[in-house]
Structures are given as C-alpha cells and as structure tokens.
Amino acid sequence: MAETVPLQQRIARVIRQDVQSTHGYAIQDSKGLVKLDAMENPFGLPAPLQRELGERLSRVAINRYPVQSTADVVAALSRYAQLPAGCKLMLGNGSDELIDMLSVACDVPGATLLAPEPGFVMYRMSAQLRGLRFVGVPLTPEFELDRAAMLAAVEHERPALTYIGYPNNPTCNLWDDAVIDEIVAAVGAQNGLVVFDEAYQPFSSRTWMQRMASHDHVLVMRTLSKFGLAGVRLGYLCGHAALIDEVEKVRPPYNVSVLNAEATLFALDHADEYARQAATLRAERERLQTAFRTLPGVRSYPSEANMILLRVPDAKRTFEGMKARGVLVKNIGAALGHPLLANCLRLTVGTPQENTLMIDALKASL
C-alpha cells in the first residue's frame, strides 16, 4: 500500500506558490455590531415591497437556466443606465467577476494592468492570479492623481488595462477630469483600454457613461451593490459593442442566477425607492462631514461615495474603541498597508440613527 503524502506536502506540490504566499480578501465579523465597514446601503425595503418581492421570486422557474431572465436584465439596465447608441452591456456576478473576466480576456503575453494606488484591491489581486503584471502608481499625499507619474507609467508600461476609480475606493474622491482626459488619451495612443469603475455612481456627481460613446477604448463598470443590492451580486460592464462582444466570450455560462436576475428587475421597477434612499445617504454624508470637521485632530477628506475617509491621531486605538462601543468601521490603513493611508479609517454612511451612534463612538474613542 502506497504511503499517504502529508497534506501540506501535497499543497506545496499542487497549489501555486504565489497563491500560498498571499492572503485572501478579508471580511470582518460584524455580528452584534452596527455594520459600517463595507459601503452597503443600510436601508431595507418597505414591508409592502418586501411582500411583493417575495411573491415575485416565488414564481421564478428555478428549474430552468437563466437565459431569458438575464436578457431581460441586460435590456432593463441598458434603459436605466441610458446606455449610449453603439454600446452594449454585459453582466457579472458582482463587479469582482467582471474585473476577473477582463483580466482573462486581456491576458496576452507580457500584458500589464495599471491602476492608481491606494485603490480597489481586486485590481491587483485579479491581475496577479491571472498572470498579468500589475503596476500601481501612487497617488499624491492629497489623494489626487499624480499626473506626471501616471503619464510616464502609461508610456513606459503600455498597459493593456488601466483602471480609474470614479470615485476611488478607499479615498472616496473624484479626480481632476483634465488629468483623466490626458490619461485616457495616452492609453488610447498605446492601444490599451481604460476601465472607469463607477461602483459608487448613485452618490457621485459625475459619470463617464455618455462620454464613453466617443472613446472606443473606454469601458464603464458599475455594480448594484451600492444601489442597494449587495446581497444580489450583480455588476455590469458597458462599452462599444465590438469590445463587449469580445469580453463576453470569457463570461461563464449562466453566471447570474434566475433569482438574482428577478430581484434586479424588481429593484429597477422600483428605482424611485432606491433613488430616495440614495438621496438620504447623500444628505447624511454631508451631516457626517460637518460633524467630523468639528473634531480636533481629525481630518475628513472629500467624498463622492457612500463612505468617508478620516485621518485620526491613532487609527488602531480609535478603531478598537469604536468597535468596543458597538460600531464597526474599517481600519483601512492597517488593512491595505499603504503608507498614504497611515492612521486612516474608512466609514460607511449609514442610516441617520446609525450615523449618530458612529459620531458618538468616534468622539469617545479618539
């Protein structure tokens, strides 16, 4: 009888070394806490809409593959997003899957993916796991795009993909459009693609959706997670039809379930309710910013998202103090380890009641 190989030895042989040496995406335990760490919409649906959604989902043919349902979602989202003529839209199981599909589709020999940093961690993670070289270009100390560094990186690296968070996570800001225009033009001159990640579009004052029509190398990516459907996992990627057709080829068949599709259609039928919730969150964001500006030793950065970045004297102490008082936020400096984020916390905008608790916990924990 052959001797059994120890599991660790087997893992060492068959699991990629770069996978073994990295860490998975960290999710904090939020049980029993006011959860303000993940940029979710804190509002549920009114009771009548909950009942209507339940009845609608009960009629879904879960014994069938999602063919017509996803086609209906594509059509409904195209109308909702006011997709420009000549452009198409494809679906992903959240924007994370879309990022991964782009990495797969663009993994030509020697391909590089470029993004400003600090930024969304999945750009780097997806590139590395799919075998692309990742180049992060540091932002300025004020979290603005470093124009010279970005343009130099585009010229030197000739990236296949360049991601622009619009607004950026975790810094929450929209960057100077004049600088972005230069970057878009520079990437286009190198025959690369630019992806505008508009995950926080319901809270932002600007979008590239219509401008995309005049740039055939620009894609716009959005998610319904911040819209209010984080649990549904529905993202969409928009671009010129010929480009979307190519990326669509790597999409797994039936990647969006019939239940997720039907929940999305229901939400779009009631988009006015979600628009009302977004308006409340934008107003609460301003209330929080006003409160934060009065706190000594605290710097609050501008936000166009449903989150706010704060710099405090001691992020570890403040984070632990807030958690002890029942409020969970993100110690983003420790989580990402980026020097520009030293002593920074990222706080999700919650309900008015949650935000009051957050303000009180922050004051008591500084």
Protein backbone atom coordinates (compact mmCIF):
# COMPACT_ATOMS: atom_id res chain seq x y z
CA MET A 1 0.00 0.00 0.00
CA ALA A 2 1.39 3.39 -1.01
CA GLU A 3 2.35 5.72 1.83
CA THR A 4 -0.04 8.65 2.31
CA VAL A 5 1.53 12.01 1.47
CA PRO A 6 1.08 14.66 4.22
CA LEU A 7 -1.46 17.29 3.19
CA GLN A 8 0.99 20.19 3.49
CA GLN A 9 3.37 18.42 1.16
CA ARG A 10 0.56 17.86 -1.31
CA ILE A 11 -0.45 21.55 -1.08
CA ALA A 12 3.15 22.59 -1.67
CA ARG A 13 3.23 20.50 -4.83
CA VAL A 14 -0.09 21.35 -6.45
CA ILE A 15 -1.03 24.88 -5.24
CA ARG A 16 0.74 27.80 -6.90
CA GLN A 17 3.43 29.34 -4.72
CA ASP A 18 2.10 32.87 -5.20
CA VAL A 19 -1.32 31.69 -4.02
CA GLN A 20 0.20 30.04 -0.94
CA SER A 21 2.09 33.19 -0.02
CA THR A 22 -0.81 35.63 -0.37
CA HIS A 23 -3.86 36.38 1.76
CA GLY A 24 -7.50 36.10 0.77
CA TYR A 25 -9.92 39.02 0.81
CA ALA A 26 -10.50 39.83 4.48
CA ILE A 27 -14.08 40.20 5.75
CA GLN A 28 -14.64 41.42 9.31
CA ASP A 29 -17.01 39.68 11.72
CA SER A 30 -19.87 42.14 12.26
CA LYS A 31 -22.18 40.08 14.46
CA GLY A 32 -23.86 42.26 17.08
CA LEU A 33 -22.32 45.48 15.74
CA VAL A 34 -23.54 48.49 13.80
CA LYS A 35 -22.03 47.49 10.45
CA LEU A 36 -20.42 50.49 8.78
CA ASP A 37 -17.35 48.88 7.23
CA ALA A 38 -18.38 47.68 3.76
CA MET A 39 -20.17 50.53 1.93
CA GLU A 40 -23.52 48.74 1.85
CA ASN A 41 -26.84 50.55 1.53
CA PRO A 42 -28.18 50.27 5.10
CA PHE A 43 -31.85 50.51 4.14
CA GLY A 44 -34.14 47.55 3.61
CA LEU A 45 -37.31 47.63 1.56
CA PRO A 46 -40.64 48.83 2.98
CA ALA A 47 -42.83 45.94 4.10
CA PRO A 48 -45.24 46.09 1.11
CA LEU A 49 -42.33 45.88 -1.33
CA GLN A 50 -40.80 43.01 0.66
CA ARG A 51 -44.03 41.04 0.24
CA GLU A 52 -44.22 41.92 -3.46
CA LEU A 53 -40.62 40.79 -3.99
CA GLY A 54 -41.26 37.52 -2.15
CA GLU A 55 -44.28 36.76 -4.28
CA ARG A 56 -42.39 37.61 -7.44
CA LEU A 57 -39.43 35.40 -6.57
CA SER A 58 -41.79 32.52 -5.71
CA ARG A 59 -42.91 32.45 -9.35
CA VAL A 60 -39.40 32.18 -10.80
CA ALA A 61 -38.65 28.97 -12.72
CA ILE A 62 -35.63 27.89 -10.68
CA ASN A 63 -35.62 24.58 -12.58
CA ARG A 64 -34.50 26.42 -15.72
CA TYR A 65 -31.20 28.01 -16.67
CA PRO A 66 -31.17 31.83 -16.64
CA VAL A 67 -31.44 32.70 -20.34
CA GLN A 68 -34.45 34.97 -20.85
CA SER A 69 -34.15 36.43 -17.34
CA THR A 70 -30.60 37.68 -17.90
CA ALA A 71 -31.54 39.04 -21.34
CA ASP A 72 -34.32 40.97 -19.63
CA VAL A 73 -31.84 42.35 -17.08
CA VAL A 74 -29.48 43.48 -19.85
CA ALA A 75 -32.35 45.31 -21.55
CA ALA A 76 -33.61 46.87 -18.32
CA LEU A 77 -30.15 48.01 -17.21
CA SER A 78 -29.42 49.44 -20.66
CA ARG A 79 -32.50 51.64 -20.29
CA TYR A 80 -31.78 52.54 -16.68
CA ALA A 81 -28.14 53.46 -17.33
CA GLN A 82 -29.06 55.34 -20.54
CA LEU A 83 -26.56 53.28 -22.49
CA PRO A 84 -25.30 55.28 -25.49
CA ALA A 85 -26.05 54.19 -29.04
CA GLY A 86 -23.49 51.76 -30.44
CA CYS A 87 -22.66 50.41 -26.97
CA LYS A 88 -23.55 47.14 -25.24
CA LEU A 89 -23.78 45.87 -21.69
CA MET A 90 -22.77 42.54 -20.15
CA LEU A 91 -23.44 41.10 -16.70
CA GLY A 92 -21.17 39.82 -13.97
CA ASN A 93 -21.69 38.19 -10.62
CA GLY A 94 -20.76 41.47 -8.98
CA SER A 95 -18.04 43.74 -10.36
CA ASP A 96 -15.41 41.39 -8.90
CA GLU A 97 -16.25 38.82 -11.56
CA LEU A 98 -16.15 41.47 -14.27
CA ILE A 99 -12.66 42.51 -13.14
CA ASP A 100 -11.58 38.88 -13.34
CA MET A 101 -13.13 38.42 -16.79
CA LEU A 102 -11.26 41.48 -18.04
CA SER A 103 -8.02 40.00 -16.71
CA VAL A 104 -8.73 36.75 -18.52
CA ALA A 105 -9.69 38.44 -21.78
CA CYS A 106 -6.65 40.75 -21.77
CA ASP A 107 -4.03 38.22 -20.66
CA VAL A 108 -1.92 38.45 -23.81
CA PRO A 109 1.81 37.70 -23.46
CA GLY A 110 3.52 40.45 -21.48
CA ALA A 111 0.27 42.20 -20.57
CA THR A 112 0.33 44.78 -17.78
CA LEU A 113 -2.53 46.11 -15.69
CA LEU A 114 -2.13 49.62 -14.27
CA ALA A 115 -4.05 51.49 -11.57
CA PRO A 116 -3.53 54.36 -9.14
CA GLU A 117 -2.95 53.29 -5.54
CA PRO A 118 -4.34 53.14 -2.96
CA GLY A 119 -7.27 51.75 -4.90
CA PHE A 120 -9.61 48.78 -5.00
CA VAL A 121 -7.60 45.72 -4.00
CA MET A 122 -9.25 43.43 -6.58
CA TYR A 123 -7.45 45.12 -9.48
CA ARG A 124 -4.08 43.93 -8.17
CA MET A 125 -5.37 40.59 -6.87
CA SER A 126 -7.09 39.65 -10.12
CA ALA A 127 -4.06 40.64 -12.21
CA GLN A 128 -1.69 38.59 -10.11
CA LEU A 129 -3.89 35.50 -10.03
CA ARG A 130 -4.41 35.64 -13.79
CA GLY A 131 -0.75 36.09 -14.59
CA LEU A 132 -0.74 39.74 -15.59
CA ARG A 133 1.90 42.13 -14.33
CA PHE A 134 0.40 44.78 -12.06
CA VAL A 135 1.78 48.31 -11.77
CA GLY A 136 0.43 50.56 -9.05
CA VAL A 137 1.07 54.30 -9.37
CA PRO A 138 0.95 56.14 -6.01
CA LEU A 139 -1.48 59.00 -5.59
CA THR A 140 -0.27 62.32 -4.23
CA PRO A 141 -0.37 62.86 -0.44
CA GLU A 142 -3.71 64.64 -1.02
CA PHE A 143 -5.06 61.52 -2.80
CA GLU A 144 -5.03 63.17 -6.22
CA LEU A 145 -3.75 61.56 -9.40
CA ASP A 146 -0.05 62.16 -9.91
CA ARG A 147 -0.32 63.39 -13.48
CA ALA A 148 3.36 63.09 -14.39
CA ALA A 149 3.75 59.66 -12.78
CA MET A 150 0.60 58.28 -14.41
CA LEU A 151 1.52 59.52 -17.88
CA ALA A 152 5.08 58.23 -17.51
CA ALA A 153 3.79 54.82 -16.40
CA VAL A 154 1.39 54.62 -19.34
CA GLU A 155 4.18 55.46 -21.77
CA HIS A 156 6.69 53.05 -20.22
CA GLU A 157 4.38 50.12 -19.36
CA ARG A 158 1.93 50.34 -22.27
CA PRO A 159 -0.79 48.75 -20.07
CA ALA A 160 -3.46 46.55 -21.59
CA LEU A 161 -5.86 47.72 -18.86
CA THR A 162 -5.87 50.91 -16.81
CA TYR A 163 -8.42 51.21 -14.01
CA ILE A 164 -9.77 54.59 -12.88
CA GLY A 165 -11.94 54.51 -9.74
CA TYR A 166 -14.63 57.14 -10.33
CA PRO A 167 -14.89 57.86 -7.40
CA ASN A 168 -11.99 55.94 -5.95
CA ASN A 169 -12.13 53.35 -3.17
CA PRO A 170 -10.91 53.91 -0.44
CA THR A 171 -10.16 57.62 -0.89
CA CYS A 172 -13.78 58.42 -1.91
CA ASN A 173 -12.85 61.29 -4.25
CA LEU A 174 -13.37 62.13 -7.92
CA TRP A 175 -10.13 63.10 -9.60
CA ASP A 176 -9.41 66.09 -11.83
CA ASP A 177 -11.12 65.45 -15.17
CA ALA A 178 -8.43 67.35 -17.09
CA VAL A 179 -5.81 64.89 -15.82
CA ILE A 180 -8.10 61.95 -16.53
CA ASP A 181 -8.60 63.17 -20.10
CA GLU A 182 -4.84 63.14 -20.61
CA ILE A 183 -4.56 59.62 -19.22
CA VAL A 184 -7.42 58.36 -21.40
CA ALA A 185 -5.77 59.85 -24.47
CA ALA A 186 -2.36 58.42 -23.53
CA VAL A 187 -3.73 54.91 -23.00
CA GLY A 188 -5.61 55.14 -26.28
CA ALA A 189 -2.41 56.10 -28.09
CA GLN A 190 -0.82 52.91 -26.72
CA ASN A 191 -3.79 50.77 -27.90
CA GLY A 192 -4.83 49.97 -24.32
CA LEU A 193 -8.19 50.01 -22.57
CA VAL A 194 -9.40 52.30 -19.77
CA VAL A 195 -11.98 50.99 -17.29
CA PHE A 196 -13.93 53.56 -15.26
CA ASP A 197 -15.07 51.80 -12.10
CA GLU A 198 -18.29 53.60 -11.17
CA ALA A 199 -19.29 51.38 -8.25
CA TYR A 200 -20.44 54.43 -6.27
CA GLN A 201 -22.35 56.09 -9.10
CA PRO A 202 -25.59 56.63 -7.06
CA PHE A 203 -23.66 59.03 -4.82
CA SER A 204 -21.40 60.69 -7.38
CA SER A 205 -21.85 63.99 -9.20
CA ARG A 206 -20.16 62.84 -12.43
CA THR A 207 -20.11 59.83 -14.74
CA TRP A 208 -18.32 58.69 -17.90
CA MET A 209 -21.31 56.76 -19.24
CA GLN A 210 -22.19 59.22 -22.02
CA ARG A 211 -18.60 60.28 -22.69
CA MET A 212 -17.74 56.62 -23.29
CA ALA A 213 -19.55 56.79 -26.64
CA SER A 214 -16.81 58.94 -28.18
CA HIS A 215 -13.94 56.76 -26.90
CA ASP A 216 -13.92 53.22 -28.30
CA HIS A 217 -11.20 52.13 -25.82
CA VAL A 218 -13.16 53.17 -22.71
CA LEU A 219 -15.33 50.85 -20.61
CA VAL A 220 -17.63 51.79 -17.72
CA MET A 221 -18.16 49.25 -14.95
CA ARG A 222 -20.87 49.51 -12.33
CA THR A 223 -22.38 47.38 -9.59
CA LEU A 224 -25.79 47.30 -7.95
CA SER A 225 -24.18 46.58 -4.57
CA LYS A 226 -24.15 50.26 -3.55
CA PHE A 227 -27.50 50.83 -5.25
CA GLY A 228 -28.94 48.59 -2.55
CA LEU A 229 -28.46 45.01 -3.78
CA ALA A 230 -25.14 43.95 -2.25
CA GLY A 231 -26.60 40.51 -1.50
CA VAL A 232 -27.79 40.02 -5.07
CA ARG A 233 -24.26 40.25 -6.59
CA LEU A 234 -24.96 41.96 -9.89
CA GLY A 235 -22.43 44.03 -11.81
CA TYR A 236 -22.42 45.30 -15.37
CA LEU A 237 -19.80 46.37 -17.87
CA CYS A 238 -20.54 48.81 -20.68
CA GLY A 239 -18.58 49.70 -23.79
CA HIS A 240 -18.60 49.78 -27.57
CA ALA A 241 -20.43 46.74 -28.91
CA ALA A 242 -17.44 45.12 -30.65
CA LEU A 243 -15.35 45.35 -27.47
CA ILE A 244 -18.08 43.96 -25.20
CA ASP A 245 -18.63 41.10 -27.64
CA GLU A 246 -15.01 40.03 -27.17
CA VAL A 247 -15.07 40.20 -23.35
CA GLU A 248 -18.42 38.39 -23.34
CA LYS A 249 -16.68 35.32 -24.77
CA VAL A 250 -14.96 34.61 -21.42
CA ARG A 251 -18.11 35.05 -19.34
CA PRO A 252 -19.08 31.77 -17.66
CA PRO A 253 -22.40 30.48 -18.95
CA TYR A 254 -25.36 31.24 -16.68
CA ASN A 255 -23.18 33.30 -14.29
CA VAL A 256 -26.18 35.27 -12.95
CA SER A 257 -28.89 33.19 -11.30
CA VAL A 258 -32.58 33.49 -12.12
CA LEU A 259 -33.28 34.69 -8.57
CA ASN A 260 -30.62 37.39 -8.79
CA ALA A 261 -31.93 38.43 -12.18
CA GLU A 262 -35.51 38.66 -10.98
CA ALA A 263 -34.50 40.61 -7.86
CA THR A 264 -32.64 43.04 -10.10
CA LEU A 265 -35.64 43.50 -12.39
CA PHE A 266 -37.80 44.12 -9.33
CA ALA A 267 -35.36 46.72 -7.99
CA LEU A 268 -35.26 48.54 -11.34
CA ASP A 269 -39.07 48.56 -11.39
CA HIS A 270 -38.85 50.38 -8.05
CA ALA A 271 -35.82 52.55 -8.83
CA ASP A 272 -37.60 55.54 -7.28
CA GLU A 273 -37.38 53.89 -3.84
CA TYR A 274 -33.65 53.30 -4.22
CA ALA A 275 -33.19 56.87 -5.52
CA ARG A 276 -34.90 58.12 -2.37
CA GLN A 277 -32.56 56.04 -0.23
CA ALA A 278 -29.52 57.37 -2.10
CA ALA A 279 -30.70 60.96 -1.57
CA THR A 280 -30.98 60.30 2.17
CA LEU A 281 -27.47 58.85 2.23
CA ARG A 282 -26.04 61.84 0.36
CA ALA A 283 -27.65 64.17 2.91
CA GLU A 284 -26.32 62.03 5.77
CA ARG A 285 -22.85 62.11 4.21
CA GLU A 286 -22.88 65.90 4.49
CA ARG A 287 -24.12 65.74 8.08
CA LEU A 288 -21.24 63.43 8.95
CA GLN A 289 -18.71 65.65 7.18
CA THR A 290 -19.95 68.66 9.16
CA ALA A 291 -19.65 66.71 12.44
CA PHE A 292 -16.19 65.37 11.62
CA ARG A 293 -14.84 68.85 10.84
CA THR A 294 -15.50 69.88 14.44
CA LEU A 295 -13.38 67.10 15.96
CA PRO A 296 -9.86 68.13 16.99
CA GLY A 297 -7.06 66.09 15.41
CA VAL A 298 -9.41 64.57 12.79
CA ARG A 299 -9.15 65.24 9.06
CA SER A 300 -12.11 64.35 6.89
CA TYR A 301 -11.47 64.02 3.14
CA PRO A 302 -13.98 64.99 0.42
CA SER A 303 -16.31 62.20 -0.62
CA GLU A 304 -18.43 61.43 -3.68
CA ALA A 305 -19.31 57.95 -2.41
CA ASN A 306 -21.32 56.42 0.44
CA MET A 307 -18.20 56.35 2.61
CA ILE A 308 -15.85 58.87 4.18
CA LEU A 309 -12.10 58.63 4.72
CA LEU A 310 -10.82 60.01 8.02
CA ARG A 311 -7.32 60.50 9.31
CA VAL A 312 -7.11 60.30 13.10
CA PRO A 313 -4.20 60.53 15.56
CA ASP A 314 -4.25 56.78 16.32
CA ALA A 315 -6.31 54.63 13.96
CA LYS A 316 -5.79 51.37 15.87
CA ARG A 317 -6.94 52.86 19.15
CA THR A 318 -9.90 54.65 17.55
CA PHE A 319 -10.99 51.57 15.57
CA GLU A 320 -10.86 49.35 18.66
CA GLY A 321 -12.64 51.98 20.76
CA MET A 322 -15.47 52.30 18.25
CA LYS A 323 -15.79 48.52 18.00
CA ALA A 324 -15.96 48.24 21.78
CA ARG A 325 -18.82 50.75 21.63
CA GLY A 326 -20.67 48.61 19.10
CA VAL A 327 -19.73 50.35 15.84
CA LEU A 328 -17.69 48.54 13.19
CA VAL A 329 -15.74 50.62 10.65
CA LYS A 330 -12.64 49.81 8.59
CA ASN A 331 -9.09 50.47 9.75
CA ILE A 332 -8.17 50.90 6.13
CA GLY A 333 -4.56 51.89 6.77
CA ALA A 334 -3.89 48.62 8.55
CA ALA A 335 -5.96 46.59 6.07
CA LEU A 336 -4.18 47.82 2.95
CA GLY A 337 -0.82 48.67 4.47
CA HIS A 338 -0.34 51.61 2.10
CA PRO A 339 1.81 54.40 3.59
CA LEU A 340 -0.50 57.12 2.26
CA LEU A 341 -3.29 55.65 4.42
CA ALA A 342 -1.41 55.73 7.73
CA ASN A 343 -3.89 56.28 10.60
CA CYS A 344 -6.86 56.35 8.22
CA LEU A 345 -10.31 54.93 8.88
CA ARG A 346 -12.98 54.36 6.23
CA LEU A 347 -16.54 54.83 7.47
CA THR A 348 -19.68 53.81 5.59
CA VAL A 349 -22.58 56.26 5.61
CA GLY A 350 -25.42 54.53 7.45
CA THR A 351 -28.96 55.37 8.49
CA PRO A 352 -29.47 58.59 10.46
CA GLN A 353 -29.64 56.56 13.68
CA GLU A 354 -26.51 54.56 12.84
CA ASN A 355 -24.63 57.72 11.94
CA THR A 356 -25.47 59.32 15.26
CA LEU A 357 -24.12 56.24 17.03
CA MET A 358 -21.00 56.40 14.83
CA ILE A 359 -20.36 60.07 15.66
CA ASP A 360 -20.72 59.39 19.39
CA ALA A 361 -18.47 56.31 19.23
CA LEU A 362 -15.82 58.22 17.29
CA LYS A 363 -15.82 61.13 19.73
CA ALA A 364 -15.45 58.75 22.67
CA SER A 365 -12.67 56.74 21.00
CA LEU A 366 -10.26 59.43 19.81
